[in-house]
Amino acid sequence: MNKVRGRPFEPGNTLGRGRPKGSCNKSKSPGQDLFDEYGEHVIRKLISLGLAGDTNALRICMDRVSPARRDAVIQMNLPAIRKAEDLGKAADKVTQGVRRGKITPVEAGRVMNILESRLKIFETVELAGRIEKVEEKMAAADGLPRAA
């Protein structure tokens, strides 16, 4: 219990220079070594089984060749959005799409988030233009003599 506290180890590397350059990491799992050795044969067997009509083998091959997309493409005809006022029409179209069952509420939420981001861009551009005009007017007013 009455141990002296201090540095637990001596400073410096006394065990050597470390791992040699170019040495490989340890394999992540024993199965990886087996797959590295027999992977090509397994893939060929799966393909031949799939061609013979084994649906599970076909599914495994197709999952590797063409994995399922995480997000599906949403197909909607939205009006052209050239100004902030056009966003209201687009939001109405999204709402109609949900109401008619053409898109899911989750998909509609994603589209609405995109529309909201677009609105923020319009607002930022408009605000920057207004600030620029105010600064120009202030600069012009500073050049004129002031009434006392």
Protein backbone atom coordinates (compact mmCIF):
# COMPACT_ATOMS: atom_id res chain seq x y z
CA MET A 1 0.00 0.00 0.00
CA ASN A 2 2.89 2.38 0.64
CA LYS A 3 4.34 2.12 -2.88
CA VAL A 4 6.34 5.02 -4.19
CA ARG A 5 4.59 6.63 -7.11
CA GLY A 6 6.53 7.69 -10.14
CA ARG A 7 7.40 6.66 -13.65
CA PRO A 8 6.39 3.05 -14.28
CA PHE A 9 8.94 2.44 -17.05
CA GLU A 10 12.39 3.63 -17.94
CA PRO A 11 12.38 6.14 -20.81
CA GLY A 12 13.47 4.96 -24.24
CA ASN A 13 12.99 1.82 -26.31
CA THR A 14 15.28 -0.85 -24.91
CA LEU A 15 13.78 -3.76 -26.87
CA GLY A 16 15.04 -2.97 -30.35
CA ARG A 17 14.06 -1.03 -33.40
CA GLY A 18 10.47 -2.28 -33.70
CA ARG A 19 8.85 -4.17 -36.51
CA PRO A 20 10.93 -4.44 -39.70
CA LYS A 21 9.84 -2.36 -42.70
CA GLY A 22 7.72 -4.23 -45.21
CA SER A 23 6.49 -6.83 -42.73
CA CYS A 24 2.81 -7.71 -43.05
CA ASN A 25 0.15 -7.34 -40.40
CA LYS A 26 -1.22 -10.47 -38.80
CA SER A 27 -4.20 -11.89 -40.63
CA LYS A 28 -7.51 -10.60 -39.33
CA SER A 29 -9.08 -14.01 -38.96
CA PRO A 30 -8.28 -17.65 -39.65
CA GLY A 31 -11.07 -17.70 -42.22
CA GLN A 32 -9.39 -14.95 -44.22
CA ASP A 33 -6.35 -17.18 -44.81
CA LEU A 34 -8.62 -19.96 -46.06
CA PHE A 35 -10.53 -17.59 -48.32
CA ASP A 36 -7.29 -16.21 -49.75
CA GLU A 37 -6.22 -19.74 -50.58
CA TYR A 38 -9.51 -21.19 -51.88
CA GLY A 39 -11.52 -18.10 -52.80
CA GLU A 40 -11.20 -18.47 -56.55
CA HIS A 41 -12.32 -22.12 -56.42
CA VAL A 42 -15.31 -21.25 -54.22
CA ILE A 43 -16.39 -18.48 -56.57
CA ARG A 44 -16.11 -20.75 -59.60
CA LYS A 45 -18.18 -23.43 -57.82
CA LEU A 46 -20.87 -20.88 -56.90
CA ILE A 47 -21.09 -19.73 -60.49
CA SER A 48 -21.36 -23.29 -61.81
CA LEU A 49 -24.06 -24.11 -59.23
CA GLY A 50 -25.93 -20.95 -60.15
CA LEU A 51 -25.78 -21.82 -63.84
CA ALA A 52 -27.11 -25.28 -62.97
CA GLY A 53 -30.17 -23.68 -61.34
CA ASP A 54 -29.26 -23.40 -57.64
CA THR A 55 -31.13 -20.24 -56.63
CA ASN A 56 -29.18 -19.75 -53.38
CA ALA A 57 -25.90 -19.80 -55.28
CA LEU A 58 -27.35 -17.31 -57.77
CA ARG A 59 -28.44 -15.03 -54.94
CA ILE A 60 -24.98 -15.11 -53.34
CA CYS A 61 -23.32 -14.30 -56.67
CA MET A 62 -25.74 -11.48 -57.46
CA ASP A 63 -25.36 -9.98 -53.98
CA ARG A 64 -21.65 -9.67 -54.65
CA VAL A 65 -21.90 -8.51 -58.26
CA SER A 66 -24.78 -6.07 -57.84
CA PRO A 67 -25.56 -5.29 -54.19
CA ALA A 68 -28.94 -3.84 -53.30
CA ARG A 69 -29.06 -0.04 -53.30
CA ARG A 70 -29.54 1.53 -49.93
CA ASP A 71 -31.50 4.50 -51.20
CA ALA A 72 -33.87 4.17 -54.11
CA VAL A 73 -34.19 6.89 -56.71
CA ILE A 74 -37.27 9.04 -56.18
CA GLN A 75 -38.97 9.86 -59.46
CA MET A 76 -41.11 12.99 -59.27
CA ASN A 77 -41.90 15.78 -61.67
CA LEU A 78 -41.20 18.95 -59.71
CA PRO A 79 -41.57 22.40 -61.22
CA ALA A 80 -38.43 24.32 -62.12
CA ILE A 81 -37.07 26.12 -59.06
CA ARG A 82 -35.55 29.43 -60.11
CA LYS A 83 -36.60 31.58 -57.15
CA ALA A 84 -37.80 31.14 -53.59
CA GLU A 85 -41.46 31.43 -54.57
CA ASP A 86 -41.16 28.28 -56.73
CA LEU A 87 -40.37 26.20 -53.64
CA GLY A 88 -43.97 26.40 -52.44
CA LYS A 89 -45.21 24.77 -55.65
CA ALA A 90 -42.59 22.05 -55.34
CA ALA A 91 -43.55 21.38 -51.71
CA ASP A 92 -47.20 21.06 -52.80
CA LYS A 93 -46.20 18.46 -55.41
CA VAL A 94 -44.34 16.46 -52.76
CA THR A 95 -47.35 16.58 -50.45
CA GLN A 96 -49.62 15.43 -53.28
CA GLY A 97 -47.23 12.57 -54.03
CA VAL A 98 -47.53 11.34 -50.44
CA ARG A 99 -51.28 11.75 -50.43
CA ARG A 100 -51.62 9.75 -53.66
CA GLY A 101 -49.23 7.05 -52.47
CA LYS A 102 -46.60 7.67 -55.16
CA ILE A 103 -43.84 8.28 -52.60
CA THR A 104 -43.45 7.30 -48.97
CA PRO A 105 -43.46 9.82 -46.14
CA VAL A 106 -39.76 9.08 -45.53
CA GLU A 107 -38.94 9.85 -49.16
CA ALA A 108 -41.04 12.99 -48.96
CA GLY A 109 -39.10 14.08 -45.88
CA ARG A 110 -35.85 13.70 -47.76
CA VAL A 111 -37.12 15.73 -50.71
CA MET A 112 -38.47 18.40 -48.35
CA ASN A 113 -35.03 18.61 -46.68
CA ILE A 114 -33.52 19.23 -50.11
CA LEU A 115 -36.10 21.93 -50.81
CA GLU A 116 -35.40 23.52 -47.43
CA SER A 117 -31.68 23.59 -48.21
CA ARG A 118 -32.48 25.23 -51.51
CA LEU A 119 -34.54 27.88 -49.67
CA LYS A 120 -31.60 28.64 -47.38
CA ILE A 121 -29.41 29.16 -50.45
CA PHE A 122 -31.93 31.60 -51.95
CA GLU A 123 -32.18 33.47 -48.63
CA THR A 124 -28.40 33.69 -48.29
CA VAL A 125 -27.96 35.02 -51.83
CA GLU A 126 -30.75 37.57 -51.33
CA LEU A 127 -29.33 38.71 -47.99
CA ALA A 128 -25.84 39.09 -49.46
CA GLY A 129 -27.28 41.28 -52.24
CA ARG A 130 -29.17 43.44 -49.75
CA ILE A 131 -26.06 43.90 -47.58
CA GLU A 132 -24.05 44.89 -50.65
CA LYS A 133 -26.63 47.55 -51.57
CA VAL A 134 -26.64 48.94 -48.01
CA GLU A 135 -22.84 49.11 -48.03
CA GLU A 136 -22.88 50.93 -51.39
CA LYS A 137 -25.39 53.47 -50.05
CA MET A 138 -23.31 53.97 -46.89
CA ALA A 139 -20.16 54.49 -48.95
CA ALA A 140 -21.94 57.02 -51.15
CA ALA A 141 -23.32 58.81 -48.09
CA ASP A 142 -19.82 59.04 -46.55
CA GLY A 143 -18.56 60.81 -49.66
CA LEU A 144 -21.15 63.61 -49.35
CA PRO A 145 -20.73 66.47 -46.92
CA ARG A 146 -22.96 66.11 -43.90
CA ALA A 147 -25.39 68.79 -42.81
CA ALA A 148 -24.61 70.25 -39.42
